[in-house]
Amino acid sequence: MTHRIANPKTPTSLEPAINSQPSTAKFKAWGKALTIPVLLLLLSEYFVRAGWIESYLLPAPSSLWQTFTDLANGDLWQHIWASSFRVFIGFLIGSFLALFFAVLVGLNKQAEAFLEPSFSAIKSIPSLAWIPLLLLWLGIDEASKITLIAIGAFFPVYTNTVAAIKGVDRKLIEVAQVYRLKYWQLVQQIILPAASPGILTGLRNGLSLSWMFMIAAELIAATQGIGYLLSDGRETSRPDIVILAIILLAVLGKLTDRVMQSLETWLLRWRDVIKH
């Protein structure tokens, strides 16, 4: 009797369904994410067209495209670049300093005794309170804006990193002591990898606050940037420019957060976590 051996490379009827599952899941995820924004746009369009909301208070979403086109043909991209550059530089400086001091405080009791009370007090100062002092010290140029953004990025990164380092499982430290790891080997191979989820969460929060502090800086003293667009739209009674600037902030903030989220997923790919 002859037996026919199935070719292992021959696709089965289940493969198309299995391969289509990721694309279907992504489509459903995008559909859920866009439901509320699309619904708000449709309701806004209807209320303005029906006369329930005056157009000088809230322009119809369909009219925003013309505003975007007009600004895009002008200096819109310069405003986006100016704000993005300030956020990028301020976030780098603030997060670098935060990581340095957080590791120092988290690993050294003496450093914690000296630094933690001062950082805790400074953290409670509102962002707007820094602006007059920075303008006096650094003027209205880029230095004052970048410094304010760095302050905004510093404290979320610092706080989360210190908490993550202090939350490292003591059993991991005991294992390192059994293997007689040196101090910097302990920090590099045990403490920082174990604390990395909290550190990356702090970086994402710091990036979000960098955008907020950027707006605070540009609303006070700037001739370029998205914050300047917000101020200009208010002074010229142009709600369409104000709303468009807010939408740009939401889009840029989401894009940068998505980049950080992807970086976090890649760096923490070793974790065994629940995947939805």
C-alpha atoms as a PDB file:
ATOM      1  CA  MET A   1       0.000   0.000   0.000  1.00  0.00           C
ATOM      2  CA  THR A   2       1.324   3.428  -0.938  1.00  0.00           C
ATOM      3  CA  HIS A   3       1.063   6.237   1.594  1.00  0.00           C
ATOM      4  CA  ARG A   4       1.016   9.809   0.377  1.00  0.00           C
ATOM      5  CA  ILE A   5       3.157  12.145   2.479  1.00  0.00           C
ATOM      6  CA  ALA A   6       1.781  15.636   2.849  1.00  0.00           C
ATOM      7  CA  ASN A   7       4.022  18.461   1.825  1.00  0.00           C
ATOM      8  CA  PRO A   8       4.732  20.532   4.984  1.00  0.00           C
ATOM      9  CA  LYS A   9       4.996  23.702   2.874  1.00  0.00           C
ATOM     10  CA  THR A  10       1.516  23.254   1.444  1.00  0.00           C
ATOM     11  CA  PRO A  11      -0.710  26.000   2.935  1.00  0.00           C
ATOM     12  CA  THR A  12      -3.719  24.804   4.859  1.00  0.00           C
ATOM     13  CA  SER A  13      -7.146  26.367   4.947  1.00  0.00           C
ATOM     14  CA  LEU A  14      -6.389  27.807   8.375  1.00  0.00           C
ATOM     15  CA  GLU A  15      -3.418  29.922   7.272  1.00  0.00           C
ATOM     16  CA  PRO A  16      -5.368  32.723   5.544  1.00  0.00           C
ATOM     17  CA  ALA A  17      -7.542  33.133   8.609  1.00  0.00           C
ATOM     18  CA  ILE A  18      -4.509  33.158  10.908  1.00  0.00           C
ATOM     19  CA  ASN A  19      -2.640  35.667   8.730  1.00  0.00           C
ATOM     20  CA  SER A  20      -5.655  37.936   8.498  1.00  0.00           C
ATOM     21  CA  GLN A  21      -6.098  38.160  12.257  1.00  0.00           C
ATOM     22  CA  PRO A  22      -3.363  40.800  12.879  1.00  0.00           C
ATOM     23  CA  SER A  23      -4.645  43.067  10.106  1.00  0.00           C
ATOM     24  CA  THR A  24      -8.234  42.666  11.326  1.00  0.00           C
ATOM     25  CA  ALA A  25      -7.176  43.476  14.889  1.00  0.00           C
ATOM     26  CA  LYS A  26      -5.315  46.598  13.722  1.00  0.00           C
ATOM     27  CA  PHE A  27      -8.330  47.709  11.697  1.00  0.00           C
ATOM     28  CA  LYS A  28     -10.612  47.311  14.709  1.00  0.00           C
ATOM     29  CA  ALA A  29      -8.131  49.165  16.939  1.00  0.00           C
ATOM     30  CA  TRP A  30      -7.966  52.095  14.502  1.00  0.00           C
ATOM     31  CA  GLY A  31     -11.757  52.106  14.250  1.00  0.00           C
ATOM     32  CA  LYS A  32     -12.158  52.316  18.015  1.00  0.00           C
ATOM     33  CA  ALA A  33      -9.484  55.022  18.313  1.00  0.00           C
ATOM     34  CA  LEU A  34     -11.128  57.204  15.645  1.00  0.00           C
ATOM     35  CA  THR A  35     -14.703  56.796  16.897  1.00  0.00           C
ATOM     36  CA  ILE A  36     -14.717  59.642  19.422  1.00  0.00           C
ATOM     37  CA  PRO A  37     -12.767  62.188  17.267  1.00  0.00           C
ATOM     38  CA  VAL A  38     -14.983  61.541  14.236  1.00  0.00           C
ATOM     39  CA  LEU A  39     -18.120  61.749  16.362  1.00  0.00           C
ATOM     40  CA  LEU A  40     -16.996  65.082  17.840  1.00  0.00           C
ATOM     41  CA  LEU A  41     -16.246  66.457  14.382  1.00  0.00           C
ATOM     42  CA  LEU A  42     -19.642  65.441  13.048  1.00  0.00           C
ATOM     43  CA  LEU A  43     -21.480  66.900  16.040  1.00  0.00           C
ATOM     44  CA  SER A  44     -19.497  70.153  15.828  1.00  0.00           C
ATOM     45  CA  GLU A  45     -20.225  70.446  12.111  1.00  0.00           C
ATOM     46  CA  TYR A  46     -23.929  69.861  12.699  1.00  0.00           C
ATOM     47  CA  PHE A  47     -24.264  72.295  15.612  1.00  0.00           C
ATOM     48  CA  VAL A  48     -22.482  75.085  13.734  1.00  0.00           C
ATOM     49  CA  ARG A  49     -24.424  74.508  10.505  1.00  0.00           C
ATOM     50  CA  ALA A  50     -27.703  74.405  12.443  1.00  0.00           C
ATOM     51  CA  GLY A  51     -26.885  77.714  14.145  1.00  0.00           C
ATOM     52  CA  TRP A  52     -26.790  76.305  17.661  1.00  0.00           C
ATOM     53  CA  ILE A  53     -23.176  77.449  18.016  1.00  0.00           C
ATOM     54  CA  GLU A  54     -21.948  80.710  16.546  1.00  0.00           C
ATOM     55  CA  SER A  55     -19.142  80.295  14.026  1.00  0.00           C
ATOM     56  CA  TYR A  56     -17.079  83.049  15.644  1.00  0.00           C
ATOM     57  CA  LEU A  57     -16.965  80.913  18.807  1.00  0.00           C
ATOM     58  CA  LEU A  58     -16.446  77.532  17.179  1.00  0.00           C
ATOM     59  CA  PRO A  59     -15.802  77.328  13.438  1.00  0.00           C
ATOM     60  CA  ALA A  60     -17.142  74.374  11.487  1.00  0.00           C
ATOM     61  CA  PRO A  61     -14.560  71.580  11.147  1.00  0.00           C
ATOM     62  CA  SER A  62     -14.981  71.723   7.361  1.00  0.00           C
ATOM     63  CA  SER A  63     -13.675  75.307   7.369  1.00  0.00           C
ATOM     64  CA  LEU A  64     -10.504  74.360   9.243  1.00  0.00           C
ATOM     65  CA  TRP A  65      -9.044  72.758   6.140  1.00  0.00           C
ATOM     66  CA  GLN A  66      -8.975  76.121   4.375  1.00  0.00           C
ATOM     67  CA  THR A  67      -7.237  77.656   7.384  1.00  0.00           C
ATOM     68  CA  PHE A  68      -4.696  74.844   7.370  1.00  0.00           C
ATOM     69  CA  THR A  69      -4.068  75.320   3.640  1.00  0.00           C
ATOM     70  CA  ASP A  70      -3.538  79.060   4.078  1.00  0.00           C
ATOM     71  CA  LEU A  71      -1.122  78.553   6.961  1.00  0.00           C
ATOM     72  CA  ALA A  72       0.692  75.704   5.198  1.00  0.00           C
ATOM     73  CA  ASN A  73       1.363  77.985   2.247  1.00  0.00           C
ATOM     74  CA  GLY A  74       2.814  80.473   4.716  1.00  0.00           C
ATOM     75  CA  ASP A  75       5.044  79.837   7.720  1.00  0.00           C
ATOM     76  CA  LEU A  76       3.186  76.976   9.439  1.00  0.00           C
ATOM     77  CA  TRP A  77       6.059  74.526   9.005  1.00  0.00           C
ATOM     78  CA  GLN A  78       8.475  77.006  10.556  1.00  0.00           C
ATOM     79  CA  HIS A  79       6.212  77.211  13.619  1.00  0.00           C
ATOM     80  CA  ILE A  80       6.065  73.401  13.868  1.00  0.00           C
ATOM     81  CA  TRP A  81       9.828  73.094  13.481  1.00  0.00           C
ATOM     82  CA  ALA A  82      10.534  75.792  16.072  1.00  0.00           C
ATOM     83  CA  SER A  83       8.320  74.158  18.694  1.00  0.00           C
ATOM     84  CA  SER A  84       9.559  70.638  17.947  1.00  0.00           C
ATOM     85  CA  PHE A  85      13.189  71.707  18.154  1.00  0.00           C
ATOM     86  CA  ARG A  86      12.639  73.405  21.516  1.00  0.00           C
ATOM     87  CA  VAL A  87      10.862  70.347  22.911  1.00  0.00           C
ATOM     88  CA  PHE A  88      13.552  67.981  21.631  1.00  0.00           C
ATOM     89  CA  ILE A  89      16.485  69.948  23.078  1.00  0.00           C
ATOM     90  CA  GLY A  90      14.720  70.765  26.359  1.00  0.00           C
ATOM     91  CA  PHE A  91      13.619  67.163  26.837  1.00  0.00           C
ATOM     92  CA  LEU A  92      17.128  65.830  26.190  1.00  0.00           C
ATOM     93  CA  ILE A  93      18.706  68.212  28.696  1.00  0.00           C
ATOM     94  CA  GLY A  94      16.031  67.762  31.353  1.00  0.00           C
ATOM     95  CA  SER A  95      15.855  63.975  31.106  1.00  0.00           C
ATOM     96  CA  PHE A  96      19.651  63.575  31.116  1.00  0.00           C
ATOM     97  CA  LEU A  97      20.002  65.641  34.300  1.00  0.00           C
ATOM     98  CA  ALA A  98      17.036  63.848  35.848  1.00  0.00           C
ATOM     99  CA  LEU A  99      18.517  60.406  35.187  1.00  0.00           C
ATOM    100  CA  PHE A 100      21.884  61.471  36.592  1.00  0.00           C
ATOM    101  CA  PHE A 101      20.474  62.846  39.863  1.00  0.00           C
ATOM    102  CA  ALA A 102      17.875  60.080  40.184  1.00  0.00           C
ATOM    103  CA  VAL A 103      20.497  57.333  40.010  1.00  0.00           C
ATOM    104  CA  LEU A 104      22.628  59.269  42.493  1.00  0.00           C
ATOM    105  CA  VAL A 105      19.729  59.734  44.931  1.00  0.00           C
ATOM    106  CA  GLY A 106      18.337  56.248  44.450  1.00  0.00           C
ATOM    107  CA  LEU A 107      21.641  54.518  45.182  1.00  0.00           C
ATOM    108  CA  ASN A 108      23.185  56.812  47.770  1.00  0.00           C
ATOM    109  CA  LYS A 109      21.553  57.595  51.104  1.00  0.00           C
ATOM    110  CA  GLN A 110      23.802  60.610  51.688  1.00  0.00           C
ATOM    111  CA  ALA A 111      22.910  62.120  48.323  1.00  0.00           C
ATOM    112  CA  GLU A 112      19.239  61.516  49.060  1.00  0.00           C
ATOM    113  CA  ALA A 113      19.528  63.363  52.387  1.00  0.00           C
ATOM    114  CA  PHE A 114      21.070  66.397  50.683  1.00  0.00           C
ATOM    115  CA  LEU A 115      19.133  66.553  47.399  1.00  0.00           C
ATOM    116  CA  GLU A 116      15.676  65.041  47.888  1.00  0.00           C
ATOM    117  CA  PRO A 117      14.217  67.798  50.155  1.00  0.00           C
ATOM    118  CA  SER A 118      15.268  70.537  47.715  1.00  0.00           C
ATOM    119  CA  PHE A 119      13.956  68.686  44.663  1.00  0.00           C
ATOM    120  CA  SER A 120      10.657  67.985  46.413  1.00  0.00           C
ATOM    121  CA  ALA A 121      10.221  71.682  47.195  1.00  0.00           C
ATOM    122  CA  ILE A 122      11.162  72.867  43.689  1.00  0.00           C
ATOM    123  CA  LYS A 123       8.827  70.292  42.118  1.00  0.00           C
ATOM    124  CA  SER A 124       5.783  72.020  43.614  1.00  0.00           C
ATOM    125  CA  ILE A 125       6.546  75.352  41.903  1.00  0.00           C
ATOM    126  CA  PRO A 126       4.088  75.996  39.007  1.00  0.00           C
ATOM    127  CA  SER A 127       5.554  76.364  35.542  1.00  0.00           C
ATOM    128  CA  LEU A 128       4.309  79.933  35.087  1.00  0.00           C
ATOM    129  CA  ALA A 129       6.213  81.011  38.196  1.00  0.00           C
ATOM    130  CA  TRP A 130       9.512  80.272  36.460  1.00  0.00           C
ATOM    131  CA  ILE A 131       8.831  82.455  33.437  1.00  0.00           C
ATOM    132  CA  PRO A 132       9.508  85.931  34.944  1.00  0.00           C
ATOM    133  CA  LEU A 133      12.742  84.732  36.536  1.00  0.00           C
ATOM    134  CA  LEU A 134      13.960  83.035  33.372  1.00  0.00           C
ATOM    135  CA  LEU A 135      13.150  86.121  31.309  1.00  0.00           C
ATOM    136  CA  LEU A 136      15.176  88.248  33.724  1.00  0.00           C
ATOM    137  CA  TRP A 137      18.129  85.861  33.736  1.00  0.00           C
ATOM    138  CA  LEU A 138      18.175  84.610  30.140  1.00  0.00           C
ATOM    139  CA  GLY A 139      16.111  87.129  28.170  1.00  0.00           C
ATOM    140  CA  ILE A 140      13.491  86.268  25.564  1.00  0.00           C
ATOM    141  CA  ASP A 141      15.756  84.203  23.348  1.00  0.00           C
ATOM    142  CA  GLU A 142      15.797  80.417  22.986  1.00  0.00           C
ATOM    143  CA  ALA A 143      17.716  79.813  26.216  1.00  0.00           C
ATOM    144  CA  SER A 144      14.805  80.770  28.476  1.00  0.00           C
ATOM    145  CA  LYS A 145      12.315  78.622  26.553  1.00  0.00           C
ATOM    146  CA  ILE A 146      14.562  75.556  26.432  1.00  0.00           C
ATOM    147  CA  THR A 147      15.372  75.930  30.140  1.00  0.00           C
ATOM    148  CA  LEU A 148      11.679  76.027  31.030  1.00  0.00           C
ATOM    149  CA  ILE A 149      11.027  72.900  28.937  1.00  0.00           C
ATOM    150  CA  ALA A 150      13.980  71.151  30.597  1.00  0.00           C
ATOM    151  CA  ILE A 151      12.491  71.963  34.008  1.00  0.00           C
ATOM    152  CA  GLY A 152       9.197  70.466  32.902  1.00  0.00           C
ATOM    153  CA  ALA A 153      10.872  67.260  31.703  1.00  0.00           C
ATOM    154  CA  PHE A 154      13.146  66.931  34.738  1.00  0.00           C
ATOM    155  CA  PHE A 155      10.751  66.121  37.555  1.00  0.00           C
ATOM    156  CA  PRO A 156       8.618  63.324  36.021  1.00  0.00           C
ATOM    157  CA  VAL A 157      11.765  61.511  34.902  1.00  0.00           C
ATOM    158  CA  TYR A 158      13.480  62.088  38.260  1.00  0.00           C
ATOM    159  CA  THR A 159      10.516  61.010  40.369  1.00  0.00           C
ATOM    160  CA  ASN A 160       9.763  57.854  38.393  1.00  0.00           C
ATOM    161  CA  THR A 161      13.410  56.821  38.212  1.00  0.00           C
ATOM    162  CA  VAL A 162      13.987  57.203  41.949  1.00  0.00           C
ATOM    163  CA  ALA A 163      10.810  55.241  42.694  1.00  0.00           C
ATOM    164  CA  ALA A 164      11.788  52.532  40.193  1.00  0.00           C
ATOM    165  CA  ILE A 165      15.278  52.138  41.667  1.00  0.00           C
ATOM    166  CA  LYS A 166      13.945  51.947  45.216  1.00  0.00           C
ATOM    167  CA  GLY A 167      11.343  49.426  44.090  1.00  0.00           C
ATOM    168  CA  VAL A 168      13.862  46.878  42.798  1.00  0.00           C
ATOM    169  CA  ASP A 169      13.206  43.464  44.340  1.00  0.00           C
ATOM    170  CA  ARG A 170      15.547  42.825  47.267  1.00  0.00           C
ATOM    171  CA  LYS A 171      15.889  39.200  46.177  1.00  0.00           C
ATOM    172  CA  LEU A 172      17.683  40.342  43.032  1.00  0.00           C
ATOM    173  CA  ILE A 173      20.182  42.241  45.187  1.00  0.00           C
ATOM    174  CA  GLU A 174      20.745  39.156  47.309  1.00  0.00           C
ATOM    175  CA  VAL A 175      21.378  37.062  44.197  1.00  0.00           C
ATOM    176  CA  ALA A 176      23.953  39.614  43.039  1.00  0.00           C
ATOM    177  CA  GLN A 177      25.650  39.427  46.437  1.00  0.00           C
ATOM    178  CA  VAL A 178      25.777  35.635  46.200  1.00  0.00           C
ATOM    179  CA  TYR A 179      27.583  35.944  42.868  1.00  0.00           C
ATOM    180  CA  ARG A 180      29.806  38.638  44.403  1.00  0.00           C
ATOM    181  CA  LEU A 181      29.127  41.262  41.770  1.00  0.00           C
ATOM    182  CA  LYS A 182      30.974  44.520  42.158  1.00  0.00           C
ATOM    183  CA  TYR A 183      29.052  47.723  42.843  1.00  0.00           C
ATOM    184  CA  TRP A 184      28.902  48.999  39.264  1.00  0.00           C
ATOM    185  CA  GLN A 185      28.180  45.499  37.978  1.00  0.00           C
ATOM    186  CA  LEU A 186      25.258  45.403  40.405  1.00  0.00           C
ATOM    187  CA  VAL A 187      23.997  48.751  39.109  1.00  0.00           C
ATOM    188  CA  GLN A 188      24.492  47.929  35.438  1.00  0.00           C
ATOM    189  CA  GLN A 189      23.321  44.310  35.376  1.00  0.00           C
ATOM    190  CA  ILE A 190      20.676  44.190  38.120  1.00  0.00           C
ATOM    191  CA  ILE A 191      19.324  47.534  39.314  1.00  0.00           C
ATOM    192  CA  LEU A 192      18.988  49.504  36.079  1.00  0.00           C
ATOM    193  CA  PRO A 193      17.451  46.646  34.037  1.00  0.00           C
ATOM    194  CA  ALA A 194      14.968  45.909  36.846  1.00  0.00           C
ATOM    195  CA  ALA A 195      14.095  49.615  37.131  1.00  0.00           C
ATOM    196  CA  SER A 196      13.898  50.216  33.368  1.00  0.00           C
ATOM    197  CA  PRO A 197      10.065  49.947  33.106  1.00  0.00           C
ATOM    198  CA  GLY A 198       9.628  52.768  35.624  1.00  0.00           C
ATOM    199  CA  ILE A 199      12.413  54.804  34.022  1.00  0.00           C
ATOM    200  CA  LEU A 200      10.834  54.582  30.565  1.00  0.00           C
ATOM    201  CA  THR A 201       7.437  55.511  32.008  1.00  0.00           C
ATOM    202  CA  GLY A 202       9.044  58.599  33.498  1.00  0.00           C
ATOM    203  CA  LEU A 203      10.584  59.487  30.134  1.00  0.00           C
ATOM    204  CA  ARG A 204       7.184  59.278  28.435  1.00  0.00           C
ATOM    205  CA  ASN A 205       5.631  61.491  31.112  1.00  0.00           C
ATOM    206  CA  GLY A 206       8.514  63.914  30.849  1.00  0.00           C
ATOM    207  CA  LEU A 207       8.043  64.184  27.086  1.00  0.00           C
ATOM    208  CA  SER A 208       4.345  64.968  27.539  1.00  0.00           C
ATOM    209  CA  LEU A 209       5.121  67.694  30.066  1.00  0.00           C
ATOM    210  CA  SER A 210       7.769  69.091  27.731  1.00  0.00           C
ATOM    211  CA  TRP A 211       5.023  69.958  25.229  1.00  0.00           C
ATOM    212  CA  MET A 212       2.981  71.637  27.983  1.00  0.00           C
ATOM    213  CA  PHE A 213       5.897  73.705  29.220  1.00  0.00           C
ATOM    214  CA  MET A 214       6.745  74.630  25.630  1.00  0.00           C
ATOM    215  CA  ILE A 215       3.309  76.208  25.250  1.00  0.00           C
ATOM    216  CA  ALA A 216       3.767  78.099  28.520  1.00  0.00           C
ATOM    217  CA  ALA A 217       7.084  79.481  27.244  1.00  0.00           C
ATOM    218  CA  GLU A 218       5.825  80.430  23.783  1.00  0.00           C
ATOM    219  CA  LEU A 219       2.654  82.085  25.027  1.00  0.00           C
ATOM    220  CA  ILE A 220       4.716  84.627  26.953  1.00  0.00           C
ATOM    221  CA  ALA A 221       7.582  85.516  24.654  1.00  0.00           C
ATOM    222  CA  ALA A 222       7.928  84.049  21.172  1.00  0.00           C
ATOM    223  CA  THR A 223       7.707  85.096  17.550  1.00  0.00           C
ATOM    224  CA  GLN A 224       7.542  81.529  16.223  1.00  0.00           C
ATOM    225  CA  GLY A 225       6.026  78.285  17.401  1.00  0.00           C
ATOM    226  CA  ILE A 226       2.661  76.690  18.012  1.00  0.00           C
ATOM    227  CA  GLY A 227       2.269  78.631  21.239  1.00  0.00           C
ATOM    228  CA  TYR A 228       2.738  81.807  19.233  1.00  0.00           C
ATOM    229  CA  LEU A 229      -0.043  80.648  16.880  1.00  0.00           C
ATOM    230  CA  LEU A 230      -2.337  80.199  19.879  1.00  0.00           C
ATOM    231  CA  SER A 231      -1.558  83.685  21.136  1.00  0.00           C
ATOM    232  CA  ASP A 232      -1.891  85.206  17.673  1.00  0.00           C
ATOM    233  CA  GLY A 233      -5.257  83.542  17.108  1.00  0.00           C
ATOM    234  CA  ARG A 234      -6.542  84.863  20.419  1.00  0.00           C
ATOM    235  CA  GLU A 235      -5.357  88.426  19.771  1.00  0.00           C
ATOM    236  CA  THR A 236      -6.819  88.478  16.244  1.00  0.00           C
ATOM    237  CA  SER A 237     -10.110  86.780  17.287  1.00  0.00           C
ATOM    238  CA  ARG A 238      -9.428  83.800  15.003  1.00  0.00           C
ATOM    239  CA  PRO A 239     -10.794  80.683  16.748  1.00  0.00           C
ATOM    240  CA  ASP A 240      -9.960  78.622  13.669  1.00  0.00           C
ATOM    241  CA  ILE A 241      -6.235  79.306  14.180  1.00  0.00           C
ATOM    242  CA  VAL A 242      -6.530  78.516  17.885  1.00  0.00           C
ATOM    243  CA  ILE A 243      -8.304  75.210  17.250  1.00  0.00           C
ATOM    244  CA  LEU A 244      -5.878  74.286  14.475  1.00  0.00           C
ATOM    245  CA  ALA A 245      -2.938  74.945  16.813  1.00  0.00           C
ATOM    246  CA  ILE A 246      -4.562  72.741  19.469  1.00  0.00           C
ATOM    247  CA  ILE A 247      -5.040  69.961  16.907  1.00  0.00           C
ATOM    248  CA  LEU A 248      -1.389  70.267  15.873  1.00  0.00           C
ATOM    249  CA  LEU A 249      -0.333  69.946  19.503  1.00  0.00           C
ATOM    250  CA  ALA A 250      -2.467  66.841  19.921  1.00  0.00           C
ATOM    251  CA  VAL A 251      -1.055  65.247  16.758  1.00  0.00           C
ATOM    252  CA  LEU A 252       2.585  66.063  17.550  1.00  0.00           C
ATOM    253  CA  GLY A 253       2.185  64.966  21.149  1.00  0.00           C
ATOM    254  CA  LYS A 254       0.630  61.683  20.069  1.00  0.00           C
ATOM    255  CA  LEU A 255       3.311  61.044  17.440  1.00  0.00           C
ATOM    256  CA  THR A 256       6.178  61.633  19.858  1.00  0.00           C
ATOM    257  CA  ASP A 257       4.497  59.548  22.543  1.00  0.00           C
ATOM    258  CA  ARG A 258       4.021  56.754  19.999  1.00  0.00           C
ATOM    259  CA  VAL A 259       7.744  56.876  19.208  1.00  0.00           C
ATOM    260  CA  MET A 260       8.566  56.614  22.907  1.00  0.00           C
ATOM    261  CA  GLN A 261       6.059  53.790  23.313  1.00  0.00           C
ATOM    262  CA  SER A 262       7.644  51.857  20.441  1.00  0.00           C
ATOM    263  CA  LEU A 263      11.087  52.413  21.951  1.00  0.00           C
ATOM    264  CA  GLU A 264       9.794  51.219  25.312  1.00  0.00           C
ATOM    265  CA  THR A 265       8.296  48.080  23.750  1.00  0.00           C
ATOM    266  CA  TRP A 266      11.550  47.289  21.976  1.00  0.00           C
ATOM    267  CA  LEU A 267      13.770  47.866  25.008  1.00  0.00           C
ATOM    268  CA  LEU A 268      11.474  45.853  27.285  1.00  0.00           C
ATOM    269  CA  ARG A 269      10.859  43.026  24.852  1.00  0.00           C
ATOM    270  CA  TRP A 270      12.322  40.628  27.426  1.00  0.00           C
ATOM    271  CA  ARG A 271       9.350  41.103  29.754  1.00  0.00           C
ATOM    272  CA  ASP A 272       6.676  38.442  30.044  1.00  0.00           C
ATOM    273  CA  VAL A 273       3.578  40.603  30.248  1.00  0.00           C
ATOM    274  CA  ILE A 274      -0.092  40.278  29.404  1.00  0.00           C
ATOM    275  CA  LYS A 275      -0.770  41.179  25.774  1.00  0.00           C
ATOM    276  CA  HIS A 276      -4.256  42.364  24.943  1.00  0.00           C
END
